[in-house]
Amino acid sequence: MRAGTRWRYEIRRCGKQAAVLPLVAAALAYAAVGGTHGAGPGFAGGALLGRTLLSTALPAATALACAAVVVREPMTELHLTLPTPYARTLARRLAWPATVATASAVALLTAAVLVGLPLDPGGPVMLLQLLGLTALLSGSAVYVTVRSGSAAPATGLVVAAVLAKLLLVDRVLPEGLTQALPALLGGAVLAGMALRIVTPPNEAGPLLTRREPG
């Protein structure tokens, strides 16, 4: 199978939500920030909402998309018997929402700069911060989904992590590289742990097990 054919197949297997969720989140974040820009001090609550969506909407949506990609595969046991390691297949599929999220983040911040929206921290640092939080939330969601066989725990974890960032982390650590770099590292570690779980025992780690209904 040629590379282009393989990628088209994997993108179809990911489902529409893998691309739609990050794109819609980026559009909502831009609309919220753009709608509150220049609204004046009396619209401080709206500005806060826009800032919150700008920093968390895309990472949260991408994490949920990644969790949906993991649970979308109904024949995990069959994949484990194929010559191609399932961990490689899963990584290839997760690369699709990751690519869409990266492109969405770049487009979001570029559009914000072009229309003169204030970005604090600056554009490149905010891009790295967005990607860092996206990696952390997505790695956590994938790990929890692989361990549980369900996207429901991942959804709760993403919501809790976003609230923790807004209510606690942002008050303790300054935004920017201080948050972005550890988040990138943590997300990479969690994603690696998830891929080890779906590796057959003769290669490393336990098999992915899915909970049967009831």
N, C-alpha and C. Protein backbone atom coordinates (compact mmCIF):
# COMPACT_ATOMS: atom_id res chain seq x y z
N MET A 1 0.85 -1.19 0.00
CA MET A 1 0.00 0.00 0.00
C MET A 1 0.89 1.25 0.00
N ARG A 2 0.60 2.18 -0.92
CA ARG A 2 1.39 3.40 -1.01
C ARG A 2 1.11 4.31 0.18
N ALA A 3 2.08 5.20 0.45
CA ALA A 3 1.95 6.07 1.62
C ALA A 3 0.70 6.93 1.56
N GLY A 4 0.43 7.52 0.39
CA GLY A 4 -0.75 8.38 0.28
C GLY A 4 -2.03 7.62 0.53
N THR A 5 -2.13 6.42 -0.01
CA THR A 5 -3.33 5.59 0.20
C THR A 5 -3.47 5.22 1.67
N ARG A 6 -2.34 4.88 2.30
CA ARG A 6 -2.38 4.51 3.71
C ARG A 6 -2.86 5.67 4.56
N TRP A 7 -2.33 6.88 4.28
CA TRP A 7 -2.73 8.03 5.09
C TRP A 7 -4.20 8.37 4.89
N ARG A 8 -4.70 8.26 3.66
CA ARG A 8 -6.13 8.53 3.42
C ARG A 8 -6.99 7.53 4.18
N TYR A 9 -6.56 6.28 4.20
CA TYR A 9 -7.30 5.27 4.94
C TYR A 9 -7.31 5.59 6.43
N GLU A 10 -6.15 5.94 6.99
CA GLU A 10 -6.08 6.21 8.42
C GLU A 10 -6.91 7.45 8.79
N ILE A 11 -6.91 8.46 7.90
CA ILE A 11 -7.71 9.66 8.18
C ILE A 11 -9.20 9.30 8.21
N ARG A 12 -9.64 8.46 7.29
CA ARG A 12 -11.04 8.02 7.31
C ARG A 12 -11.35 7.25 8.59
N ARG A 13 -10.39 6.44 9.04
CA ARG A 13 -10.61 5.67 10.27
C ARG A 13 -10.69 6.58 11.49
N CYS A 14 -10.04 7.72 11.43
CA CYS A 14 -10.09 8.65 12.57
C CYS A 14 -11.46 9.27 12.74
N GLY A 15 -12.22 9.40 11.68
CA GLY A 15 -13.53 10.03 11.76
C GLY A 15 -13.46 11.54 11.59
N LYS A 16 -14.60 12.14 11.32
CA LYS A 16 -14.65 13.57 11.06
C LYS A 16 -14.31 14.39 12.30
N GLN A 17 -14.62 13.85 13.49
CA GLN A 17 -14.40 14.65 14.70
C GLN A 17 -12.92 14.96 14.92
N ALA A 18 -12.03 14.15 14.36
CA ALA A 18 -10.61 14.38 14.56
C ALA A 18 -10.17 15.70 13.95
N ALA A 19 -10.84 16.15 12.91
CA ALA A 19 -10.52 17.44 12.29
C ALA A 19 -11.51 18.52 12.70
N VAL A 20 -12.78 18.14 12.86
CA VAL A 20 -13.82 19.14 13.13
C VAL A 20 -13.65 19.77 14.50
N LEU A 21 -13.37 18.98 15.52
CA LEU A 21 -13.28 19.52 16.88
C LEU A 21 -12.19 20.60 17.01
N PRO A 22 -10.95 20.34 16.58
CA PRO A 22 -9.94 21.42 16.68
C PRO A 22 -10.29 22.65 15.85
N LEU A 23 -10.84 22.46 14.66
CA LEU A 23 -11.16 23.60 13.81
C LEU A 23 -12.27 24.45 14.42
N VAL A 24 -13.31 23.81 14.93
CA VAL A 24 -14.42 24.54 15.55
C VAL A 24 -13.94 25.27 16.80
N ALA A 25 -13.10 24.61 17.60
CA ALA A 25 -12.58 25.25 18.82
C ALA A 25 -11.75 26.48 18.48
N ALA A 26 -10.90 26.38 17.46
CA ALA A 26 -10.10 27.53 17.06
C ALA A 26 -10.98 28.67 16.57
N ALA A 27 -12.02 28.35 15.80
CA ALA A 27 -12.93 29.38 15.30
C ALA A 27 -13.68 30.06 16.45
N LEU A 28 -14.13 29.28 17.43
CA LEU A 28 -14.82 29.86 18.57
C LEU A 28 -13.89 30.75 19.40
N ALA A 29 -12.66 30.29 19.57
CA ALA A 29 -11.70 31.10 20.33
C ALA A 29 -11.43 32.42 19.64
N TYR A 30 -11.27 32.37 18.32
CA TYR A 30 -11.02 33.61 17.58
C TYR A 30 -12.24 34.54 17.65
N ALA A 31 -13.43 33.97 17.51
CA ALA A 31 -14.64 34.79 17.57
C ALA A 31 -14.80 35.43 18.94
N ALA A 32 -14.48 34.68 19.99
CA ALA A 32 -14.62 35.23 21.34
C ALA A 32 -13.63 36.35 21.60
N VAL A 33 -12.38 36.14 21.21
CA VAL A 33 -11.36 37.17 21.43
C VAL A 33 -11.63 38.38 20.54
N GLY A 34 -11.96 38.13 19.27
CA GLY A 34 -12.24 39.23 18.36
C GLY A 34 -13.45 40.02 18.76
N GLY A 35 -14.47 39.35 19.31
CA GLY A 35 -15.68 40.03 19.70
C GLY A 35 -15.50 40.91 20.92
N THR A 36 -14.52 40.61 21.76
CA THR A 36 -14.30 41.40 22.97
C THR A 36 -13.19 42.42 22.81
N HIS A 37 -12.45 42.35 21.70
CA HIS A 37 -11.35 43.30 21.48
C HIS A 37 -11.91 44.70 21.27
N GLY A 38 -11.44 45.63 22.05
CA GLY A 38 -11.86 47.01 21.92
C GLY A 38 -13.25 47.28 22.47
N ALA A 39 -13.80 46.32 23.25
CA ALA A 39 -15.14 46.53 23.79
C ALA A 39 -15.15 47.46 24.98
N GLY A 40 -13.97 47.80 25.51
CA GLY A 40 -13.91 48.75 26.62
C GLY A 40 -13.88 48.07 27.96
N PRO A 41 -13.57 48.83 29.03
CA PRO A 41 -13.44 48.25 30.36
C PRO A 41 -14.74 47.68 30.90
N GLY A 42 -15.87 48.15 30.39
CA GLY A 42 -17.13 47.62 30.89
C GLY A 42 -17.40 46.20 30.43
N PHE A 43 -16.58 45.70 29.52
CA PHE A 43 -16.78 44.35 29.00
C PHE A 43 -15.68 43.42 29.48
N ALA A 44 -15.20 43.66 30.70
CA ALA A 44 -14.08 42.89 31.23
C ALA A 44 -14.41 41.41 31.33
N GLY A 45 -15.67 41.09 31.70
CA GLY A 45 -16.06 39.69 31.82
C GLY A 45 -15.98 38.98 30.49
N GLY A 46 -16.41 39.65 29.41
CA GLY A 46 -16.31 39.06 28.08
C GLY A 46 -14.88 38.89 27.64
N ALA A 47 -14.02 39.86 28.00
CA ALA A 47 -12.60 39.75 27.65
C ALA A 47 -11.96 38.57 28.36
N LEU A 48 -12.36 38.33 29.60
CA LEU A 48 -11.83 37.19 30.34
C LEU A 48 -12.26 35.88 29.69
N LEU A 49 -13.52 35.82 29.26
CA LEU A 49 -14.00 34.62 28.57
C LEU A 49 -13.23 34.39 27.28
N GLY A 50 -13.00 35.47 26.52
CA GLY A 50 -12.24 35.34 25.28
C GLY A 50 -10.84 34.85 25.54
N ARG A 51 -10.20 35.39 26.56
CA ARG A 51 -8.84 34.97 26.91
C ARG A 51 -8.81 33.50 27.32
N THR A 52 -9.82 33.08 28.07
CA THR A 52 -9.90 31.69 28.51
C THR A 52 -10.06 30.74 27.33
N LEU A 53 -10.96 31.10 26.41
CA LEU A 53 -11.16 30.26 25.22
C LEU A 53 -9.92 30.23 24.35
N LEU A 54 -9.24 31.35 24.24
CA LEU A 54 -8.03 31.40 23.42
C LEU A 54 -6.97 30.43 23.93
N SER A 55 -6.86 30.31 25.24
CA SER A 55 -5.78 29.50 25.81
C SER A 55 -6.15 28.04 26.04
N THR A 56 -7.45 27.71 26.08
CA THR A 56 -7.82 26.34 26.46
C THR A 56 -8.74 25.63 25.48
N ALA A 57 -9.48 26.34 24.64
CA ALA A 57 -10.49 25.68 23.80
C ALA A 57 -9.85 24.70 22.82
N LEU A 58 -8.83 25.13 22.10
CA LEU A 58 -8.19 24.27 21.11
C LEU A 58 -7.50 23.07 21.76
N PRO A 59 -6.71 23.25 22.84
CA PRO A 59 -6.11 22.07 23.48
C PRO A 59 -7.13 21.07 23.98
N ALA A 60 -8.22 21.55 24.61
CA ALA A 60 -9.23 20.64 25.13
C ALA A 60 -9.93 19.89 24.01
N ALA A 61 -10.29 20.60 22.94
CA ALA A 61 -10.97 19.95 21.82
C ALA A 61 -10.07 18.91 21.15
N THR A 62 -8.78 19.21 21.01
CA THR A 62 -7.85 18.26 20.40
C THR A 62 -7.71 17.01 21.26
N ALA A 63 -7.66 17.19 22.57
CA ALA A 63 -7.56 16.04 23.48
C ALA A 63 -8.79 15.14 23.34
N LEU A 64 -9.97 15.74 23.27
CA LEU A 64 -11.18 14.93 23.10
C LEU A 64 -11.18 14.23 21.74
N ALA A 65 -10.67 14.90 20.71
CA ALA A 65 -10.57 14.27 19.40
C ALA A 65 -9.64 13.07 19.43
N CYS A 66 -8.51 13.19 20.14
CA CYS A 66 -7.57 12.08 20.24
C CYS A 66 -8.19 10.90 20.99
N ALA A 67 -8.93 11.19 22.06
CA ALA A 67 -9.61 10.11 22.79
C ALA A 67 -10.62 9.41 21.90
N ALA A 68 -11.34 10.19 21.08
CA ALA A 68 -12.32 9.60 20.17
C ALA A 68 -11.64 8.72 19.12
N VAL A 69 -10.46 9.11 18.67
CA VAL A 69 -9.72 8.29 17.69
C VAL A 69 -9.35 6.94 18.31
N VAL A 70 -8.95 6.94 19.57
CA VAL A 70 -8.54 5.69 20.22
C VAL A 70 -9.72 4.72 20.35
N VAL A 71 -10.87 5.21 20.81
CA VAL A 71 -12.01 4.31 21.04
C VAL A 71 -12.75 3.97 19.75
N ARG A 72 -12.42 4.64 18.66
CA ARG A 72 -13.12 4.39 17.41
C ARG A 72 -12.75 3.05 16.80
N GLU A 73 -11.59 2.52 17.14
CA GLU A 73 -11.15 1.24 16.58
C GLU A 73 -11.89 0.08 17.27
N PRO A 74 -12.76 -0.65 16.53
CA PRO A 74 -13.53 -1.73 17.17
C PRO A 74 -12.82 -3.08 17.14
N MET A 75 -11.68 -3.18 16.44
CA MET A 75 -11.03 -4.48 16.27
C MET A 75 -9.57 -4.42 16.74
N THR A 76 -9.38 -3.96 17.97
CA THR A 76 -8.02 -3.83 18.49
C THR A 76 -7.31 -5.18 18.53
N GLU A 77 -8.03 -6.23 18.96
CA GLU A 77 -7.42 -7.55 19.08
C GLU A 77 -6.93 -8.05 17.72
N LEU A 78 -7.67 -7.73 16.65
CA LEU A 78 -7.23 -8.13 15.31
C LEU A 78 -5.96 -7.40 14.92
N HIS A 79 -5.89 -6.11 15.24
CA HIS A 79 -4.69 -5.34 14.92
C HIS A 79 -3.47 -5.91 15.62
N LEU A 80 -3.66 -6.44 16.81
CA LEU A 80 -2.53 -6.98 17.57
C LEU A 80 -1.95 -8.24 16.94
N THR A 81 -2.69 -8.85 16.00
CA THR A 81 -2.19 -10.06 15.34
C THR A 81 -1.54 -9.74 14.00
N LEU A 82 -1.59 -8.50 13.55
CA LEU A 82 -1.05 -8.12 12.25
C LEU A 82 0.45 -7.86 12.34
N PRO A 83 1.16 -7.95 11.22
CA PRO A 83 2.61 -7.69 11.23
C PRO A 83 2.96 -6.25 11.66
N THR A 84 2.13 -5.28 11.26
CA THR A 84 2.38 -3.89 11.66
C THR A 84 1.96 -3.69 13.10
N PRO A 85 2.85 -3.25 13.97
CA PRO A 85 2.49 -3.04 15.37
C PRO A 85 1.33 -2.06 15.51
N TYR A 86 0.38 -2.39 16.37
CA TYR A 86 -0.77 -1.51 16.56
C TYR A 86 -0.34 -0.16 17.12
N ALA A 87 0.72 -0.13 17.91
CA ALA A 87 1.21 1.14 18.44
C ALA A 87 1.59 2.09 17.31
N ARG A 88 2.18 1.55 16.24
CA ARG A 88 2.55 2.38 15.10
C ARG A 88 1.30 2.89 14.38
N THR A 89 0.30 2.01 14.23
CA THR A 89 -0.95 2.42 13.60
C THR A 89 -1.64 3.50 14.41
N LEU A 90 -1.68 3.32 15.73
CA LEU A 90 -2.32 4.31 16.60
C LEU A 90 -1.59 5.64 16.54
N ALA A 91 -0.27 5.60 16.55
CA ALA A 91 0.51 6.84 16.47
C ALA A 91 0.25 7.55 15.15
N ARG A 92 0.13 6.78 14.07
CA ARG A 92 -0.14 7.38 12.76
C ARG A 92 -1.51 8.05 12.75
N ARG A 93 -2.48 7.42 13.38
CA ARG A 93 -3.82 8.02 13.41
C ARG A 93 -3.84 9.27 14.30
N LEU A 94 -3.17 9.23 15.40
CA LEU A 94 -3.15 10.39 16.29
C LEU A 94 -2.40 11.56 15.67
N ALA A 95 -1.53 11.27 14.69
CA ALA A 95 -0.82 12.36 14.02
C ALA A 95 -1.78 13.26 13.24
N TRP A 96 -2.95 12.72 12.86
CA TRP A 96 -3.89 13.52 12.08
C TRP A 96 -4.52 14.64 12.92
N PRO A 97 -5.16 14.34 14.08
CA PRO A 97 -5.66 15.46 14.89
C PRO A 97 -4.55 16.36 15.40
N ALA A 98 -3.35 15.81 15.62
CA ALA A 98 -2.23 16.66 16.04
C ALA A 98 -1.85 17.65 14.95
N THR A 99 -1.85 17.18 13.70
CA THR A 99 -1.53 18.07 12.58
C THR A 99 -2.59 19.15 12.41
N VAL A 100 -3.85 18.76 12.51
CA VAL A 100 -4.94 19.73 12.39
C VAL A 100 -4.86 20.76 13.51
N ALA A 101 -4.56 20.29 14.72
CA ALA A 101 -4.47 21.21 15.86
C ALA A 101 -3.33 22.20 15.69
N THR A 102 -2.18 21.73 15.21
CA THR A 102 -1.04 22.62 15.00
C THR A 102 -1.37 23.67 13.95
N ALA A 103 -1.95 23.24 12.84
CA ALA A 103 -2.33 24.19 11.80
C ALA A 103 -3.37 25.18 12.30
N SER A 104 -4.32 24.70 13.11
CA SER A 104 -5.35 25.58 13.66
C SER A 104 -4.76 26.61 14.61
N ALA A 105 -3.79 26.18 15.43
CA ALA A 105 -3.15 27.11 16.36
C ALA A 105 -2.39 28.20 15.61
N VAL A 106 -1.66 27.79 14.58
CA VAL A 106 -0.91 28.78 13.79
C VAL A 106 -1.88 29.75 13.11
N ALA A 107 -2.96 29.23 12.52
CA ALA A 107 -3.93 30.09 11.84
C ALA A 107 -4.63 31.01 12.84
N LEU A 108 -4.95 30.49 14.02
CA LEU A 108 -5.63 31.30 15.04
C LEU A 108 -4.78 32.49 15.47
N LEU A 109 -3.53 32.23 15.80
CA LEU A 109 -2.67 33.31 16.28
C LEU A 109 -2.27 34.25 15.14
N THR A 110 -2.10 33.72 13.94
CA THR A 110 -1.80 34.59 12.80
C THR A 110 -2.95 35.54 12.53
N ALA A 111 -4.17 35.02 12.55
CA ALA A 111 -5.34 35.87 12.34
C ALA A 111 -5.46 36.91 13.44
N ALA A 112 -5.15 36.51 14.68
CA ALA A 112 -5.22 37.47 15.79
C ALA A 112 -4.22 38.60 15.61
N VAL A 113 -3.01 38.27 15.15
CA VAL A 113 -1.99 39.30 14.93
C VAL A 113 -2.39 40.22 13.78
N LEU A 114 -2.94 39.65 12.71
CA LEU A 114 -3.29 40.44 11.53
C LEU A 114 -4.38 41.47 11.82
N VAL A 115 -5.29 41.14 12.72
CA VAL A 115 -6.36 42.09 13.03
C VAL A 115 -6.02 42.96 14.24
N GLY A 116 -4.81 42.80 14.77
CA GLY A 116 -4.36 43.67 15.84
C GLY A 116 -4.80 43.29 17.23
N LEU A 117 -5.14 42.02 17.44
CA LEU A 117 -5.52 41.60 18.78
C LEU A 117 -4.28 41.53 19.67
N PRO A 118 -4.39 41.99 20.92
CA PRO A 118 -3.24 41.93 21.82
C PRO A 118 -2.99 40.50 22.29
N LEU A 119 -1.77 40.05 22.17
CA LEU A 119 -1.41 38.71 22.62
C LEU A 119 -0.38 38.83 23.73
N ASP A 120 -0.71 38.30 24.90
CA ASP A 120 0.20 38.32 26.03
C ASP A 120 0.18 36.94 26.69
N PRO A 121 1.27 36.15 26.60
CA PRO A 121 2.57 36.50 26.02
C PRO A 121 2.51 36.64 24.49
N GLY A 122 3.64 36.98 23.90
CA GLY A 122 3.70 37.24 22.46
C GLY A 122 3.34 36.03 21.63
N GLY A 123 3.13 36.26 20.33
CA GLY A 123 2.66 35.22 19.43
C GLY A 123 3.44 33.92 19.46
N PRO A 124 4.78 33.93 19.24
CA PRO A 124 5.53 32.67 19.24
C PRO A 124 5.45 31.94 20.58
N VAL A 125 5.53 32.69 21.68
CA VAL A 125 5.47 32.05 23.00
C VAL A 125 4.07 31.49 23.25
N MET A 126 3.05 32.24 22.84
CA MET A 126 1.68 31.74 23.02
C MET A 126 1.44 30.50 22.17
N LEU A 127 2.03 30.47 20.97
CA LEU A 127 1.90 29.27 20.13
C LEU A 127 2.51 28.07 20.83
N LEU A 128 3.69 28.24 21.40
CA LEU A 128 4.33 27.15 22.12
C LEU A 128 3.51 26.75 23.34
N GLN A 129 2.91 27.73 24.00
CA GLN A 129 2.07 27.42 25.16
C GLN A 129 0.83 26.64 24.74
N LEU A 130 0.21 27.04 23.62
CA LEU A 130 -0.94 26.31 23.11
C LEU A 130 -0.57 24.87 22.77
N LEU A 131 0.56 24.70 22.09
CA LEU A 131 0.99 23.36 21.70
C LEU A 131 1.36 22.53 22.93
N GLY A 132 1.95 23.17 23.93
CA GLY A 132 2.30 22.45 25.15
C GLY A 132 1.08 21.93 25.87
N LEU A 133 0.08 22.80 26.06
CA LEU A 133 -1.14 22.37 26.74
C LEU A 133 -1.87 21.31 25.91
N THR A 134 -1.84 21.48 24.59
CA THR A 134 -2.47 20.48 23.72
C THR A 134 -1.79 19.12 23.88
N ALA A 135 -0.47 19.12 23.92
CA ALA A 135 0.27 17.86 24.09
C ALA A 135 -0.05 17.22 25.44
N LEU A 136 -0.08 18.03 26.49
CA LEU A 136 -0.34 17.48 27.83
C LEU A 136 -1.74 16.91 27.93
N LEU A 137 -2.75 17.67 27.49
CA LEU A 137 -4.13 17.18 27.58
C LEU A 137 -4.34 15.98 26.66
N SER A 138 -3.78 16.02 25.46
CA SER A 138 -3.96 14.91 24.52
C SER A 138 -3.26 13.65 25.01
N GLY A 139 -2.02 13.80 25.51
CA GLY A 139 -1.32 12.64 26.05
C GLY A 139 -2.07 12.03 27.22
N SER A 140 -2.60 12.87 28.11
CA SER A 140 -3.37 12.38 29.25
C SER A 140 -4.63 11.67 28.79
N ALA A 141 -5.33 12.27 27.81
CA ALA A 141 -6.58 11.68 27.32
C ALA A 141 -6.33 10.34 26.65
N VAL A 142 -5.28 10.25 25.85
CA VAL A 142 -4.96 8.99 25.17
C VAL A 142 -4.58 7.92 26.19
N TYR A 143 -3.77 8.29 27.16
CA TYR A 143 -3.34 7.32 28.17
C TYR A 143 -4.54 6.77 28.95
N VAL A 144 -5.40 7.67 29.42
CA VAL A 144 -6.57 7.24 30.20
C VAL A 144 -7.52 6.42 29.35
N THR A 145 -7.69 6.80 28.09
CA THR A 145 -8.60 6.06 27.21
C THR A 145 -8.07 4.66 26.93
N VAL A 146 -6.78 4.55 26.69
CA VAL A 146 -6.18 3.23 26.45
C VAL A 146 -6.31 2.36 27.69
N ARG A 147 -6.09 2.94 28.86
CA ARG A 147 -6.17 2.17 30.10
C ARG A 147 -7.59 1.71 30.40
N SER A 148 -8.58 2.58 30.13
CA SER A 148 -9.96 2.29 30.52
C SER A 148 -10.78 1.69 29.40
N GLY A 149 -10.38 1.92 28.14
CA GLY A 149 -11.19 1.45 27.02
C GLY A 149 -12.41 2.30 26.76
N SER A 150 -12.46 3.50 27.36
CA SER A 150 -13.61 4.39 27.20
C SER A 150 -13.12 5.82 27.16
N ALA A 151 -13.86 6.66 26.42
CA ALA A 151 -13.50 8.07 26.34
C ALA A 151 -14.08 8.89 27.48
N ALA A 152 -15.00 8.32 28.24
CA ALA A 152 -15.66 9.08 29.31
C ALA A 152 -14.67 9.55 30.39
N PRO A 153 -13.78 8.67 30.90
CA PRO A 153 -12.81 9.16 31.89
C PRO A 153 -11.90 10.25 31.33
N ALA A 154 -11.55 10.14 30.05
CA ALA A 154 -10.70 11.15 29.43
C ALA A 154 -11.40 12.50 29.39
N THR A 155 -12.70 12.50 29.13
CA THR A 155 -13.45 13.75 29.10
C THR A 155 -13.43 14.43 30.46
N GLY A 156 -13.67 13.65 31.50
CA GLY A 156 -13.61 14.21 32.86
C GLY A 156 -12.23 14.72 33.21
N LEU A 157 -11.21 13.98 32.78
CA LEU A 157 -9.84 14.40 33.08
C LEU A 157 -9.51 15.71 32.37
N VAL A 158 -9.92 15.86 31.13
CA VAL A 158 -9.64 17.08 30.38
C VAL A 158 -10.32 18.28 31.04
N VAL A 159 -11.57 18.12 31.43
CA VAL A 159 -12.29 19.21 32.09
C VAL A 159 -11.60 19.59 33.40
N ALA A 160 -11.21 18.57 34.19
CA ALA A 160 -10.54 18.84 35.47
C ALA A 160 -9.20 19.53 35.25
N ALA A 161 -8.45 19.09 34.22
CA ALA A 161 -7.14 19.69 33.96
C ALA A 161 -7.27 21.14 33.52
N VAL A 162 -8.27 21.45 32.70
CA VAL A 162 -8.48 22.83 32.27
C VAL A 162 -8.83 23.71 33.46
N LEU A 163 -9.72 23.23 34.32
CA LEU A 163 -10.08 24.00 35.51
C LEU A 163 -8.87 24.20 36.42
N ALA A 164 -8.05 23.16 36.55
CA ALA A 164 -6.86 23.28 37.39
C ALA A 164 -5.90 24.32 36.83
N LYS A 165 -5.76 24.36 35.52
CA LYS A 165 -4.89 25.37 34.90
C LYS A 165 -5.41 26.77 35.18
N LEU A 166 -6.71 26.98 34.96
CA LEU A 166 -7.27 28.32 35.09
C LEU A 166 -7.31 28.80 36.53
N LEU A 167 -7.62 27.89 37.45
CA LEU A 167 -7.84 28.30 38.85
C LEU A 167 -6.59 28.19 39.72
N LEU A 168 -5.65 27.34 39.31
CA LEU A 168 -4.49 27.11 40.18
C LEU A 168 -3.16 27.39 39.48
N VAL A 169 -2.91 26.69 38.38
CA VAL A 169 -1.59 26.78 37.74
C VAL A 169 -1.29 28.20 37.29
N ASP A 170 -2.27 28.87 36.66
CA ASP A 170 -2.03 30.23 36.16
C ASP A 170 -1.76 31.22 37.28
N ARG A 171 -2.20 30.90 38.49
CA ARG A 171 -1.95 31.78 39.63
C ARG A 171 -0.57 31.54 40.25
N VAL A 172 -0.02 30.35 39.99
CA VAL A 172 1.26 29.99 40.61
C VAL A 172 2.42 30.18 39.64
N LEU A 173 2.23 29.75 38.38
CA LEU A 173 3.29 29.83 37.38
C LEU A 173 2.94 30.87 36.33
N PRO A 174 3.90 31.67 35.92
CA PRO A 174 3.63 32.64 34.84
C PRO A 174 3.39 31.92 33.53
N GLU A 175 2.51 32.49 32.71
CA GLU A 175 2.25 31.91 31.40
C GLU A 175 3.47 32.06 30.50
N GLY A 176 3.59 31.15 29.57
CA GLY A 176 4.72 31.19 28.66
C GLY A 176 5.54 29.92 28.73
N LEU A 177 6.85 30.06 28.60
CA LEU A 177 7.72 28.90 28.55
C LEU A 177 7.71 28.11 29.84
N THR A 178 7.46 28.78 30.97
CA THR A 178 7.44 28.09 32.26
C THR A 178 6.37 27.02 32.30
N GLN A 179 5.27 27.26 31.62
CA GLN A 179 4.21 26.26 31.55
C GLN A 179 4.35 25.37 30.31
N ALA A 180 4.80 25.96 29.20
CA ALA A 180 4.78 25.24 27.93
C ALA A 180 5.76 24.06 27.90
N LEU A 181 6.97 24.27 28.35
CA LEU A 181 8.00 23.22 28.22
C LEU A 181 7.67 21.99 29.08
N PRO A 182 7.31 22.16 30.38
CA PRO A 182 6.92 20.96 31.14
C PRO A 182 5.69 20.27 30.56
N ALA A 183 4.75 21.05 30.01
CA ALA A 183 3.55 20.45 29.42
C ALA A 183 3.91 19.62 28.20
N LEU A 184 4.80 20.13 27.36
CA LEU A 184 5.24 19.36 26.19
C LEU A 184 5.90 18.05 26.61
N LEU A 185 6.78 18.12 27.59
CA LEU A 185 7.47 16.93 28.07
C LEU A 185 6.49 15.94 28.68
N GLY A 186 5.58 16.43 29.53
CA GLY A 186 4.60 15.55 30.15
C GLY A 186 3.70 14.88 29.14
N GLY A 187 3.26 15.64 28.13
CA GLY A 187 2.41 15.05 27.11
C GLY A 187 3.13 13.97 26.33
N ALA A 188 4.40 14.20 26.00
CA ALA A 188 5.17 13.20 25.26
C ALA A 188 5.35 11.92 26.08
N VAL A 189 5.62 12.07 27.37
CA VAL A 189 5.80 10.90 28.24
C VAL A 189 4.50 10.09 28.33
N LEU A 190 3.37 10.78 28.52
CA LEU A 190 2.09 10.08 28.65
C LEU A 190 1.71 9.38 27.34
N ALA A 191 1.96 10.03 26.22
CA ALA A 191 1.68 9.39 24.93
C ALA A 191 2.55 8.15 24.73
N GLY A 192 3.82 8.25 25.11
CA GLY A 192 4.70 7.09 25.01
C GLY A 192 4.25 5.94 25.89
N MET A 193 3.77 6.26 27.10
CA MET A 193 3.26 5.22 27.99
C MET A 193 2.03 4.56 27.41
N ALA A 194 1.16 5.35 26.76
CA ALA A 194 -0.04 4.78 26.14
C ALA A 194 0.33 3.83 25.01
N LEU A 195 1.30 4.21 24.21
CA LEU A 195 1.71 3.34 23.10
C LEU A 195 2.37 2.05 23.60
N ARG A 196 3.03 2.11 24.73
CA ARG A 196 3.61 0.89 25.31
C ARG A 196 2.52 -0.06 25.76
N ILE A 197 1.41 0.47 26.23
CA ILE A 197 0.32 -0.38 26.69
C ILE A 197 -0.25 -1.21 25.55
N VAL A 198 -0.32 -0.63 24.36
CA VAL A 198 -0.91 -1.35 23.23
C VAL A 198 0.13 -2.15 22.46
N THR A 199 1.32 -2.30 23.01
CA THR A 199 2.35 -3.13 22.40
C THR A 199 2.23 -4.55 22.93
N PRO A 200 2.26 -5.57 22.08
CA PRO A 200 2.12 -6.96 22.54
C PRO A 200 3.14 -7.31 23.63
N PRO A 201 2.80 -8.25 24.51
CA PRO A 201 3.66 -8.60 25.65
C PRO A 201 5.06 -9.04 25.25
N ASN A 202 5.21 -9.68 24.10
CA ASN A 202 6.54 -10.15 23.72
C ASN A 202 7.45 -9.00 23.26
N GLU A 203 6.86 -7.77 23.12
CA GLU A 203 7.67 -6.62 22.78
C GLU A 203 7.85 -5.70 23.97
N ALA A 204 6.76 -5.41 24.68
CA ALA A 204 6.84 -4.59 25.89
C ALA A 204 5.45 -4.35 26.42
N GLY A 205 5.29 -4.50 27.73
CA GLY A 205 4.07 -4.07 28.39
C GLY A 205 2.88 -4.96 28.13
N PRO A 206 1.74 -4.67 28.81
CA PRO A 206 0.52 -5.44 28.66
C PRO A 206 -0.26 -5.04 27.42
N LEU A 207 -1.18 -5.88 27.03
CA LEU A 207 -2.05 -5.59 25.91
C LEU A 207 -3.13 -4.58 26.32
N LEU A 208 -3.65 -3.89 25.33
CA LEU A 208 -4.80 -3.04 25.55
C LEU A 208 -6.00 -3.92 25.80
N THR A 209 -6.71 -3.69 26.87
CA THR A 209 -7.92 -4.43 27.16
C THR A 209 -9.08 -3.49 27.17
N ARG A 210 -10.18 -3.93 26.61
CA ARG A 210 -11.38 -3.11 26.58
C ARG A 210 -12.43 -3.73 27.49
N ARG A 211 -13.10 -2.88 28.22
CA ARG A 211 -14.13 -3.35 29.13
C ARG A 211 -15.39 -3.74 28.34
N GLU A 212 -15.89 -4.90 28.65
CA GLU A 212 -17.12 -5.33 28.00
C GLU A 212 -18.30 -4.62 28.63
N PRO A 213 -19.35 -4.29 27.85
CA PRO A 213 -20.54 -3.66 28.42
C PRO A 213 -21.16 -4.53 29.47
N GLY A 214 -21.65 -3.89 30.53
CA GLY A 214 -22.30 -4.63 31.61
C GLY A 214 -21.31 -5.32 32.50
